[in-house]
PDB file of N, CA and C in Angstrom:
ATOM      1  N   MET A   1      28.798 -56.458 -74.640  1.00  0.00           N
ATOM      2  CA  MET A   1      29.851 -55.129 -74.443  1.00  0.00           C
ATOM      3  C   MET A   1      30.363 -55.663 -75.572  1.00  0.00           C
ATOM      4  N   SER A   2      30.432 -54.275 -76.264  1.00  0.00           N
ATOM      5  CA  SER A   2      31.792 -54.364 -77.320  1.00  0.00           C
ATOM      6  C   SER A   2      32.881 -53.903 -77.096  1.00  0.00           C
ATOM      7  N   ASP A   3      33.888 -54.143 -77.774  1.00  0.00           N
ATOM      8  CA  ASP A   3      35.197 -54.005 -77.173  1.00  0.00           C
ATOM      9  C   ASP A   3      36.108 -53.253 -78.376  1.00  0.00           C
ATOM     10  N   VAL A   4      37.061 -52.678 -78.292  1.00  0.00           N
ATOM     11  CA  VAL A   4      38.048 -52.456 -79.399  1.00  0.00           C
ATOM     12  C   VAL A   4      39.081 -52.616 -79.562  1.00  0.00           C
ATOM     13  N   ASP A   5      39.767 -52.277 -81.061  1.00  0.00           N
ATOM     14  CA  ASP A   5      40.794 -53.151 -81.152  1.00  0.00           C
ATOM     15  C   ASP A   5      41.739 -53.002 -80.253  1.00  0.00           C
ATOM     16  N   VAL A   6      42.639 -53.945 -80.408  1.00  0.00           N
ATOM     17  CA  VAL A   6      44.307 -54.248 -79.498  1.00  0.00           C
ATOM     18  C   VAL A   6      45.347 -52.249 -80.593  1.00  0.00           C
ATOM     19  N   GLU A   7      44.857 -52.229 -81.540  1.00  0.00           N
ATOM     20  CA  GLU A   7      45.563 -51.129 -82.068  1.00  0.00           C
ATOM     21  C   GLU A   7      44.929 -49.833 -81.027  1.00  0.00           C
ATOM     22  N   THR A   8      44.167 -49.361 -81.495  1.00  0.00           N
ATOM     23  CA  THR A   8      43.261 -48.391 -80.229  1.00  0.00           C
ATOM     24  C   THR A   8      43.672 -48.376 -79.347  1.00  0.00           C
ATOM     25  N   LEU A   9      44.004 -49.541 -78.356  1.00  0.00           N
ATOM     26  CA  LEU A   9      44.252 -49.829 -77.175  1.00  0.00           C
ATOM     27  C   LEU A   9      45.694 -49.169 -76.795  1.00  0.00           C
ATOM     28  N   ARG A  10      46.330 -49.905 -77.653  1.00  0.00           N
ATOM     29  CA  ARG A  10      47.788 -49.475 -77.786  1.00  0.00           C
ATOM     30  C   ARG A  10      48.041 -47.965 -77.702  1.00  0.00           C
ATOM     31  N   VAL A  11      47.646 -47.207 -78.815  1.00  0.00           N
ATOM     32  CA  VAL A  11      47.563 -45.828 -79.083  1.00  0.00           C
ATOM     33  C   VAL A  11      47.326 -45.147 -77.566  1.00  0.00           C
ATOM     34  N   ALA A  12      45.950 -45.596 -76.871  1.00  0.00           N
ATOM     35  CA  ALA A  12      45.589 -45.125 -75.535  1.00  0.00           C
ATOM     36  C   ALA A  12      46.971 -45.434 -74.908  1.00  0.00           C
ATOM     37  N   VAL A  13      47.412 -46.423 -74.509  1.00  0.00           N
ATOM     38  CA  VAL A  13      48.463 -46.474 -73.767  1.00  0.00           C
ATOM     39  C   VAL A  13      49.695 -45.862 -73.771  1.00  0.00           C
ATOM     40  N   GLU A  14      50.088 -45.445 -75.304  1.00  0.00           N
ATOM     41  CA  GLU A  14      51.043 -44.597 -75.392  1.00  0.00           C
ATOM     42  C   GLU A  14      50.732 -43.047 -75.099  1.00  0.00           C
ATOM     43  N   GLY A  15      49.572 -42.815 -75.521  1.00  0.00           N
ATOM     44  CA  GLY A  15      49.233 -41.220 -75.126  1.00  0.00           C
ATOM     45  C   GLY A  15      48.718 -40.924 -73.938  1.00  0.00           C
ATOM     46  N   GLN A  16      48.354 -42.198 -72.829  1.00  0.00           N
ATOM     47  CA  GLN A  16      48.756 -42.079 -71.489  1.00  0.00           C
ATOM     48  C   GLN A  16      50.045 -41.832 -70.869  1.00  0.00           C
ATOM     49  N   HIS A  17      50.427 -42.984 -71.144  1.00  0.00           N
ATOM     50  CA  HIS A  17      51.909 -42.979 -70.489  1.00  0.00           C
ATOM     51  C   HIS A  17      53.167 -43.437 -71.122  1.00  0.00           C
ATOM     52  N   GLY A  18      53.388 -42.939 -72.229  1.00  0.00           N
ATOM     53  CA  GLY A  18      54.450 -43.194 -73.098  1.00  0.00           C
ATOM     54  C   GLY A  18      55.300 -44.183 -73.709  1.00  0.00           C
ATOM     55  N   GLY A  19      56.376 -44.084 -73.575  1.00  0.00           N
ATOM     56  CA  GLY A  19      57.225 -45.419 -73.483  1.00  0.00           C
ATOM     57  C   GLY A  19      56.534 -46.341 -75.486  1.00  0.00           C
ATOM     58  N   ARG A  20      57.008 -47.106 -75.765  1.00  0.00           N
ATOM     59  CA  ARG A  20      56.248 -48.122 -77.040  1.00  0.00           C
ATOM     60  C   ARG A  20      55.950 -49.363 -76.166  1.00  0.00           C
ATOM     61  N   PRO A  21      54.342 -49.362 -76.320  1.00  0.00           N
ATOM     62  CA  PRO A  21      53.578 -50.491 -75.971  1.00  0.00           C
ATOM     63  C   PRO A  21      53.524 -51.880 -77.318  1.00  0.00           C
ATOM     64  N   ALA A  22      53.810 -53.026 -76.960  1.00  0.00           N
ATOM     65  CA  ALA A  22      53.586 -54.035 -77.612  1.00  0.00           C
ATOM     66  C   ALA A  22      52.555 -54.806 -76.629  1.00  0.00           C
ATOM     67  N   PHE A  23      51.749 -55.366 -77.615  1.00  0.00           N
ATOM     68  CA  PHE A  23      50.468 -56.368 -77.230  1.00  0.00           C
ATOM     69  C   PHE A  23      51.139 -57.778 -76.754  1.00  0.00           C
ATOM     70  N   ASP A  24      50.867 -58.004 -75.659  1.00  0.00           N
ATOM     71  CA  ASP A  24      51.262 -59.547 -75.169  1.00  0.00           C
ATOM     72  C   ASP A  24      50.386 -60.480 -75.619  1.00  0.00           C
ATOM     73  N   ARG A  25      49.257 -60.056 -74.688  1.00  0.00           N
ATOM     74  CA  ARG A  25      48.003 -60.818 -74.676  1.00  0.00           C
ATOM     75  C   ARG A  25      46.431 -60.484 -73.958  1.00  0.00           C
ATOM     76  N   VAL A  26      45.762 -61.049 -74.241  1.00  0.00           N
ATOM     77  CA  VAL A  26      44.419 -60.502 -73.552  1.00  0.00           C
ATOM     78  C   VAL A  26      43.954 -61.485 -72.286  1.00  0.00           C
ATOM     79  N   VAL A  27      43.544 -61.196 -71.207  1.00  0.00           N
ATOM     80  CA  VAL A  27      42.626 -62.072 -70.188  1.00  0.00           C
ATOM     81  C   VAL A  27      41.412 -61.686 -70.070  1.00  0.00           C
ATOM     82  N   HIS A  28      40.468 -62.219 -69.169  1.00  0.00           N
ATOM     83  CA  HIS A  28      39.375 -61.846 -69.189  1.00  0.00           C
ATOM     84  C   HIS A  28      39.202 -61.956 -67.643  1.00  0.00           C
ATOM     85  N   VAL A  29      38.577 -60.590 -67.358  1.00  0.00           N
ATOM     86  CA  VAL A  29      38.747 -60.161 -65.866  1.00  0.00           C
ATOM     87  C   VAL A  29      37.111 -60.420 -65.297  1.00  0.00           C
ATOM     88  N   VAL A  30      36.855 -60.823 -64.048  1.00  0.00           N
ATOM     89  CA  VAL A  30      35.630 -60.426 -63.493  1.00  0.00           C
ATOM     90  C   VAL A  30      35.829 -59.955 -62.224  1.00  0.00           C
ATOM     91  N   GLU A  31      35.558 -58.865 -62.260  1.00  0.00           N
ATOM     92  CA  GLU A  31      35.757 -58.131 -60.694  1.00  0.00           C
ATOM     93  C   GLU A  31      34.359 -58.306 -59.914  1.00  0.00           C
ATOM     94  N   ARG A  32      34.469 -58.763 -58.387  1.00  0.00           N
ATOM     95  CA  ARG A  32      33.224 -58.965 -57.932  1.00  0.00           C
ATOM     96  C   ARG A  32      33.193 -58.205 -56.838  1.00  0.00           C
ATOM     97  N   TYR A  33      32.101 -57.299 -56.421  1.00  0.00           N
ATOM     98  CA  TYR A  33      32.179 -56.576 -54.952  1.00  0.00           C
ATOM     99  C   TYR A  33      30.748 -57.141 -54.498  1.00  0.00           C
ATOM    100  N   GLU A  34      30.854 -57.635 -53.131  1.00  0.00           N
ATOM    101  CA  GLU A  34      29.539 -58.062 -52.608  1.00  0.00           C
ATOM    102  C   GLU A  34      28.924 -59.049 -53.115  1.00  0.00           C
ATOM    103  N   GLY A  35      29.549 -60.167 -53.960  1.00  0.00           N
ATOM    104  CA  GLY A  35      28.817 -61.200 -54.300  1.00  0.00           C
ATOM    105  C   GLY A  35      28.841 -60.703 -55.584  1.00  0.00           C
ATOM    106  N   GLN A  36      28.537 -59.615 -56.317  1.00  0.00           N
ATOM    107  CA  GLN A  36      27.935 -59.054 -57.239  1.00  0.00           C
ATOM    108  C   GLN A  36      28.965 -58.512 -57.985  1.00  0.00           C
ATOM    109  N   SER A  37      28.741 -58.853 -59.808  1.00  0.00           N
ATOM    110  CA  SER A  37      29.748 -58.632 -60.566  1.00  0.00           C
ATOM    111  C   SER A  37      29.626 -57.079 -60.457  1.00  0.00           C
ATOM    112  N   ALA A  38      31.104 -56.312 -60.711  1.00  0.00           N
ATOM    113  CA  ALA A  38      31.077 -54.780 -60.681  1.00  0.00           C
ATOM    114  C   ALA A  38      31.787 -54.574 -61.912  1.00  0.00           C
ATOM    115  N   TRP A  39      32.436 -55.379 -62.597  1.00  0.00           N
ATOM    116  CA  TRP A  39      33.010 -55.161 -64.043  1.00  0.00           C
ATOM    117  C   TRP A  39      33.435 -56.435 -64.395  1.00  0.00           C
ATOM    118  N   ALA A  40      33.013 -56.681 -65.634  1.00  0.00           N
ATOM    119  CA  ALA A  40      33.592 -57.915 -66.147  1.00  0.00           C
ATOM    120  C   ALA A  40      34.038 -57.840 -67.712  1.00  0.00           C
ATOM    121  N   GLY A  41      35.056 -58.398 -68.395  1.00  0.00           N
ATOM    122  CA  GLY A  41      35.466 -58.020 -69.719  1.00  0.00           C
ATOM    123  C   GLY A  41      37.230 -57.837 -70.113  1.00  0.00           C
ATOM    124  N   PRO A  42      37.455 -58.048 -71.459  1.00  0.00           N
ATOM    125  CA  PRO A  42      38.757 -58.587 -71.505  1.00  0.00           C
ATOM    126  C   PRO A  42      39.614 -57.231 -71.228  1.00  0.00           C
ATOM    127  N   VAL A  43      40.933 -57.321 -70.515  1.00  0.00           N
ATOM    128  CA  VAL A  43      41.851 -56.495 -70.489  1.00  0.00           C
ATOM    129  C   VAL A  43      43.206 -56.994 -71.132  1.00  0.00           C
ATOM    130  N   HIS A  44      43.704 -56.339 -71.890  1.00  0.00           N
ATOM    131  CA  HIS A  44      44.682 -56.318 -73.222  1.00  0.00           C
ATOM    132  C   HIS A  44      46.070 -56.286 -72.483  1.00  0.00           C
ATOM    133  N   ILE A  45      46.923 -57.092 -72.131  1.00  0.00           N
ATOM    134  CA  ILE A  45      48.291 -56.867 -71.349  1.00  0.00           C
ATOM    135  C   ILE A  45      49.676 -56.379 -72.525  1.00  0.00           C
ATOM    136  N   PHE A  46      50.045 -54.988 -72.574  1.00  0.00           N
ATOM    137  CA  PHE A  46      50.822 -54.623 -73.296  1.00  0.00           C
ATOM    138  C   PHE A  46      52.183 -54.387 -72.754  1.00  0.00           C
ATOM    139  N   LYS A  47      53.473 -54.883 -73.100  1.00  0.00           N
ATOM    140  CA  LYS A  47      54.556 -54.735 -72.772  1.00  0.00           C
ATOM    141  C   LYS A  47      55.387 -53.546 -72.972  1.00  0.00           C
ATOM    142  N   LEU A  48      56.041 -52.852 -72.004  1.00  0.00           N
ATOM    143  CA  LEU A  48      56.566 -51.497 -72.383  1.00  0.00           C
ATOM    144  C   LEU A  48      57.905 -51.229 -72.014  1.00  0.00           C
ATOM    145  N   THR A  49      58.358 -51.114 -73.314  1.00  0.00           N
ATOM    146  CA  THR A  49      59.948 -50.300 -73.477  1.00  0.00           C
ATOM    147  C   THR A  49      59.487 -49.310 -73.599  1.00  0.00           C
ATOM    148  N   GLY A  50      60.739 -48.514 -73.030  1.00  0.00           N
ATOM    149  CA  GLY A  50      61.384 -46.928 -72.989  1.00  0.00           C
ATOM    150  C   GLY A  50      60.583 -46.167 -72.128  1.00  0.00           C
ATOM    151  N   HIS A  51      59.762 -46.623 -71.421  1.00  0.00           N
ATOM    152  CA  HIS A  51      58.956 -46.303 -70.128  1.00  0.00           C
ATOM    153  C   HIS A  51      59.764 -46.342 -68.873  1.00  0.00           C
ATOM    154  N   PRO A  52      59.992 -44.833 -68.166  1.00  0.00           N
ATOM    155  CA  PRO A  52      61.021 -44.749 -67.024  1.00  0.00           C
ATOM    156  C   PRO A  52      60.951 -45.939 -65.839  1.00  0.00           C
ATOM    157  N   THR A  53      59.565 -46.201 -65.346  1.00  0.00           N
ATOM    158  CA  THR A  53      59.509 -47.225 -64.086  1.00  0.00           C
ATOM    159  C   THR A  53      58.778 -48.350 -64.616  1.00  0.00           C
ATOM    160  N   ALA A  54      58.002 -48.444 -65.855  1.00  0.00           N
ATOM    161  CA  ALA A  54      57.278 -49.789 -65.766  1.00  0.00           C
ATOM    162  C   ALA A  54      57.301 -50.473 -66.896  1.00  0.00           C
ATOM    163  N   THR A  55      57.173 -51.799 -66.777  1.00  0.00           N
ATOM    164  CA  THR A  55      57.517 -52.987 -68.248  1.00  0.00           C
ATOM    165  C   THR A  55      56.733 -53.602 -69.120  1.00  0.00           C
ATOM    166  N   GLU A  56      55.310 -53.059 -67.871  1.00  0.00           N
ATOM    167  CA  GLU A  56      53.582 -53.489 -68.533  1.00  0.00           C
ATOM    168  C   GLU A  56      52.664 -52.746 -68.063  1.00  0.00           C
ATOM    169  N   CYS A  57      51.787 -52.469 -69.042  1.00  0.00           N
ATOM    170  CA  CYS A  57      50.651 -51.848 -68.692  1.00  0.00           C
ATOM    171  C   CYS A  57      49.907 -53.160 -69.146  1.00  0.00           C
ATOM    172  N   TYR A  58      48.019 -52.623 -68.154  1.00  0.00           N
ATOM    173  CA  TYR A  58      46.988 -53.015 -68.606  1.00  0.00           C
ATOM    174  C   TYR A  58      46.330 -52.001 -69.109  1.00  0.00           C
ATOM    175  N   ALA A  59      45.240 -52.530 -70.135  1.00  0.00           N
ATOM    176  CA  ALA A  59      44.235 -51.526 -70.776  1.00  0.00           C
ATOM    177  C   ALA A  59      42.933 -52.279 -70.937  1.00  0.00           C
ATOM    178  N   TRP A  60      42.135 -51.473 -70.990  1.00  0.00           N
ATOM    179  CA  TRP A  60      40.254 -51.812 -71.538  1.00  0.00           C
ATOM    180  C   TRP A  60      39.551 -50.474 -71.938  1.00  0.00           C
ATOM    181  N   SER A  61      39.097 -50.328 -71.942  1.00  0.00           N
ATOM    182  CA  SER A  61      37.676 -49.721 -72.753  1.00  0.00           C
ATOM    183  C   SER A  61      36.413 -50.370 -72.022  1.00  0.00           C
ATOM    184  N   ASP A  62      35.479 -49.526 -71.938  1.00  0.00           N
ATOM    185  CA  ASP A  62      34.095 -48.730 -71.398  1.00  0.00           C
ATOM    186  C   ASP A  62      33.099 -48.238 -72.349  1.00  0.00           C
ATOM    187  N   PRO A  63      31.880 -48.245 -72.514  1.00  0.00           N
ATOM    188  CA  PRO A  63      31.244 -47.246 -73.121  1.00  0.00           C
ATOM    189  C   PRO A  63      30.598 -46.248 -71.925  1.00  0.00           C
ATOM    190  N   VAL A  64      30.878 -44.761 -72.428  1.00  0.00           N
ATOM    191  CA  VAL A  64      30.379 -44.191 -71.390  1.00  0.00           C
ATOM    192  C   VAL A  64      28.665 -43.916 -71.548  1.00  0.00           C
ATOM    193  N   PRO A  65      28.289 -43.939 -70.401  1.00  0.00           N
ATOM    194  CA  PRO A  65      27.019 -44.369 -70.529  1.00  0.00           C
ATOM    195  C   PRO A  65      26.246 -43.219 -71.164  1.00  0.00           C
ATOM    196  N   ASP A  66      24.893 -43.460 -71.683  1.00  0.00           N
ATOM    197  CA  ASP A  66      24.378 -42.182 -72.473  1.00  0.00           C
ATOM    198  C   ASP A  66      25.147 -41.826 -73.540  1.00  0.00           C
ATOM    199  N   SER A  67      26.293 -42.341 -74.102  1.00  0.00           N
ATOM    200  CA  SER A  67      26.667 -41.849 -75.126  1.00  0.00           C
ATOM    201  C   SER A  67      27.264 -42.515 -76.170  1.00  0.00           C
ATOM    202  N   ASP A  68      28.045 -42.171 -76.936  1.00  0.00           N
ATOM    203  CA  ASP A  68      28.586 -43.300 -78.305  1.00  0.00           C
ATOM    204  C   ASP A  68      29.781 -43.270 -78.161  1.00  0.00           C
ATOM    205  N   ARG A  69      30.569 -42.536 -76.963  1.00  0.00           N
ATOM    206  CA  ARG A  69      32.041 -42.868 -76.878  1.00  0.00           C
ATOM    207  C   ARG A  69      32.102 -43.563 -75.784  1.00  0.00           C
ATOM    208  N   ARG A  70      33.553 -43.949 -75.522  1.00  0.00           N
ATOM    209  CA  ARG A  70      34.056 -44.702 -74.711  1.00  0.00           C
ATOM    210  C   ARG A  70      35.409 -43.947 -73.850  1.00  0.00           C
ATOM    211  N   ARG A  71      35.622 -44.607 -73.028  1.00  0.00           N
ATOM    212  CA  ARG A  71      36.578 -44.200 -71.545  1.00  0.00           C
ATOM    213  C   ARG A  71      37.509 -45.494 -72.051  1.00  0.00           C
ATOM    214  N   PHE A  72      38.577 -45.054 -71.864  1.00  0.00           N
ATOM    215  CA  PHE A  72      40.073 -45.732 -72.286  1.00  0.00           C
ATOM    216  C   PHE A  72      40.581 -45.560 -70.842  1.00  0.00           C
ATOM    217  N   TYR A  73      40.918 -47.110 -70.245  1.00  0.00           N
ATOM    218  CA  TYR A  73      41.568 -47.232 -69.177  1.00  0.00           C
ATOM    219  C   TYR A  73      43.378 -47.914 -69.671  1.00  0.00           C
ATOM    220  N   ALA A  74      44.304 -47.117 -69.068  1.00  0.00           N
ATOM    221  CA  ALA A  74      45.734 -47.582 -69.074  1.00  0.00           C
ATOM    222  C   ALA A  74      45.901 -47.459 -67.837  1.00  0.00           C
ATOM    223  N   VAL A  75      46.397 -48.666 -67.191  1.00  0.00           N
ATOM    224  CA  VAL A  75      46.916 -48.593 -66.131  1.00  0.00           C
ATOM    225  C   VAL A  75      48.426 -49.575 -65.588  1.00  0.00           C
ATOM    226  N   LEU A  76      49.391 -48.700 -64.798  1.00  0.00           N
ATOM    227  CA  LEU A  76      50.746 -49.231 -65.249  1.00  0.00           C
ATOM    228  C   LEU A  76      50.624 -50.694 -64.313  1.00  0.00           C
ATOM    229  N   ARG A  77      51.632 -51.222 -64.424  1.00  0.00           N
ATOM    230  CA  ARG A  77      52.023 -52.679 -63.414  1.00  0.00           C
ATOM    231  C   ARG A  77      53.078 -51.892 -62.591  1.00  0.00           C
ATOM    232  N   ALA A  78      53.022 -51.066 -61.227  1.00  0.00           N
ATOM    233  CA  ALA A  78      53.709 -50.769 -60.474  1.00  0.00           C
ATOM    234  C   ALA A  78      53.236 -50.719 -58.948  1.00  0.00           C
ATOM    235  N   GLY A  79      53.976 -50.628 -58.437  1.00  0.00           N
ATOM    236  CA  GLY A  79      53.526 -50.379 -56.601  1.00  0.00           C
ATOM    237  C   GLY A  79      52.412 -51.750 -56.403  1.00  0.00           C
ATOM    238  N   PRO A  80      51.094 -51.421 -55.849  1.00  0.00           N
ATOM    239  CA  PRO A  80      50.355 -52.974 -55.620  1.00  0.00           C
ATOM    240  C   PRO A  80      49.788 -53.354 -56.990  1.00  0.00           C
ATOM    241  N   VAL A  81      50.089 -52.730 -57.959  1.00  0.00           N
ATOM    242  CA  VAL A  81      49.427 -53.256 -59.016  1.00  0.00           C
ATOM    243  C   VAL A  81      50.447 -54.371 -60.151  1.00  0.00           C
ATOM    244  N   THR A  82      49.963 -55.584 -59.658  1.00  0.00           N
ATOM    245  CA  THR A  82      50.731 -56.473 -60.105  1.00  0.00           C
ATOM    246  C   THR A  82      50.118 -57.519 -60.833  1.00  0.00           C
ATOM    247  N   SER A  83      48.701 -57.105 -61.288  1.00  0.00           N
ATOM    248  CA  SER A  83      47.550 -58.362 -62.036  1.00  0.00           C
ATOM    249  C   SER A  83      46.832 -57.439 -63.165  1.00  0.00           C
ATOM    250  N   PRO A  84      46.194 -57.916 -64.067  1.00  0.00           N
ATOM    251  CA  PRO A  84      45.062 -57.650 -64.502  1.00  0.00           C
ATOM    252  C   PRO A  84      43.940 -56.985 -63.421  1.00  0.00           C
ATOM    253  N   GLU A  85      43.824 -58.056 -62.479  1.00  0.00           N
ATOM    254  CA  GLU A  85      42.526 -58.059 -61.806  1.00  0.00           C
ATOM    255  C   GLU A  85      42.625 -56.632 -60.815  1.00  0.00           C
ATOM    256  N   GLU A  86      44.046 -56.376 -60.470  1.00  0.00           N
ATOM    257  CA  GLU A  86      44.333 -55.482 -59.647  1.00  0.00           C
ATOM    258  C   GLU A  86      43.978 -54.277 -60.389  1.00  0.00           C
ATOM    259  N   ALA A  87      44.510 -53.685 -61.371  1.00  0.00           N
ATOM    260  CA  ALA A  87      44.524 -52.774 -62.420  1.00  0.00           C
ATOM    261  C   ALA A  87      43.037 -52.430 -62.293  1.00  0.00           C
ATOM    262  N   VAL A  88      42.086 -53.500 -62.634  1.00  0.00           N
ATOM    263  CA  VAL A  88      40.774 -53.055 -62.988  1.00  0.00           C
ATOM    264  C   VAL A  88      39.818 -52.777 -61.382  1.00  0.00           C
ATOM    265  N   ARG A  89      40.601 -53.472 -60.390  1.00  0.00           N
ATOM    266  CA  ARG A  89      40.203 -52.865 -59.027  1.00  0.00           C
ATOM    267  C   ARG A  89      40.557 -51.478 -58.726  1.00  0.00           C
ATOM    268  N   ALA A  90      41.775 -50.950 -59.003  1.00  0.00           N
ATOM    269  CA  ALA A  90      42.298 -49.724 -58.396  1.00  0.00           C
ATOM    270  C   ALA A  90      41.779 -48.857 -59.278  1.00  0.00           C
ATOM    271  N   ALA A  91      41.243 -48.970 -60.815  1.00  0.00           N
ATOM    272  CA  ALA A  91      40.190 -48.110 -61.580  1.00  0.00           C
ATOM    273  C   ALA A  91      39.102 -47.941 -60.758  1.00  0.00           C
ATOM    274  N   ILE A  92      38.314 -48.652 -60.548  1.00  0.00           N
ATOM    275  CA  ILE A  92      37.608 -48.547 -59.860  1.00  0.00           C
ATOM    276  C   ILE A  92      37.267 -48.156 -58.454  1.00  0.00           C
ATOM    277  N   VAL A  93      38.235 -47.963 -57.882  1.00  0.00           N
ATOM    278  CA  VAL A  93      38.339 -47.474 -56.326  1.00  0.00           C
ATOM    279  C   VAL A  93      38.671 -46.316 -57.067  1.00  0.00           C
ATOM    280  N   SER A  94      39.815 -45.749 -57.501  1.00  0.00           N
ATOM    281  CA  SER A  94      39.837 -44.446 -58.231  1.00  0.00           C
ATOM    282  C   SER A  94      38.501 -43.516 -58.526  1.00  0.00           C
ATOM    283  N   GLU A  95      37.742 -44.188 -59.308  1.00  0.00           N
ATOM    284  CA  GLU A  95      36.331 -43.385 -59.848  1.00  0.00           C
ATOM    285  C   GLU A  95      35.711 -43.443 -58.499  1.00  0.00           C
ATOM    286  N   PHE A  96      35.320 -44.256 -57.763  1.00  0.00           N
ATOM    287  CA  PHE A  96      34.669 -44.562 -56.611  1.00  0.00           C
ATOM    288  C   PHE A  96      35.165 -43.007 -56.420  1.00  0.00           C
ATOM    289  N   ARG A  97      36.391 -42.908 -55.575  1.00  0.00           N
ATOM    290  CA  ARG A  97      36.775 -41.879 -54.755  1.00  0.00           C
ATOM    291  C   ARG A  97      36.597 -40.276 -55.505  1.00  0.00           C
ATOM    292  N   ASP A  98      36.797 -40.424 -56.590  1.00  0.00           N
ATOM    293  CA  ASP A  98      36.562 -39.160 -57.978  1.00  0.00           C
ATOM    294  C   ASP A  98      35.013 -38.508 -57.451  1.00  0.00           C
ATOM    295  N   ALA A  99      34.275 -39.863 -57.069  1.00  0.00           N
ATOM    296  CA  ALA A  99      32.482 -39.616 -57.766  1.00  0.00           C
ATOM    297  C   ALA A  99      32.274 -39.031 -56.223  1.00  0.00           C
ATOM    298  N   LYS A 100      32.782 -39.702 -55.418  1.00  0.00           N
ATOM    299  CA  LYS A 100      32.609 -39.290 -53.803  1.00  0.00           C
ATOM    300  C   LYS A 100      33.273 -38.086 -53.655  1.00  0.00           C
ATOM    301  N   SER A 101      34.122 -37.345 -54.142  1.00  0.00           N
ATOM    302  CA  SER A 101      34.565 -35.972 -54.071  1.00  0.00           C
ATOM    303  C   SER A 101      33.919 -34.998 -54.737  1.00  0.00           C
ATOM    304  N   GLU A 102      33.109 -35.376 -55.642  1.00  0.00           N
ATOM    305  CA  GLU A 102      32.651 -34.397 -56.210  1.00  0.00           C
ATOM    306  C   GLU A 102      31.487 -33.878 -55.706  1.00  0.00           C
TER     307      GLU A 102
END
């Protein structure tokens, strides 16, 4: 899996949520479902200043299937999302719900 650079993810966080994101660290996340890997990769953690409700954001990118484009995820640390693992899980659930409603 190829990844994007920190600056590209910082711009994505700023574009999706505003505030001023500053890179803090990267962690590797493996999300499993029924014993199999549902997603694995690096999640970049950004500290946010100037955002009205969040002080942290989790960001990563995945290739779009059958394309040379990428999809960018930027999930705020808010409500039930308090870790990179929960951010990935929330994104997977959201995509599943979106696909199911189509």
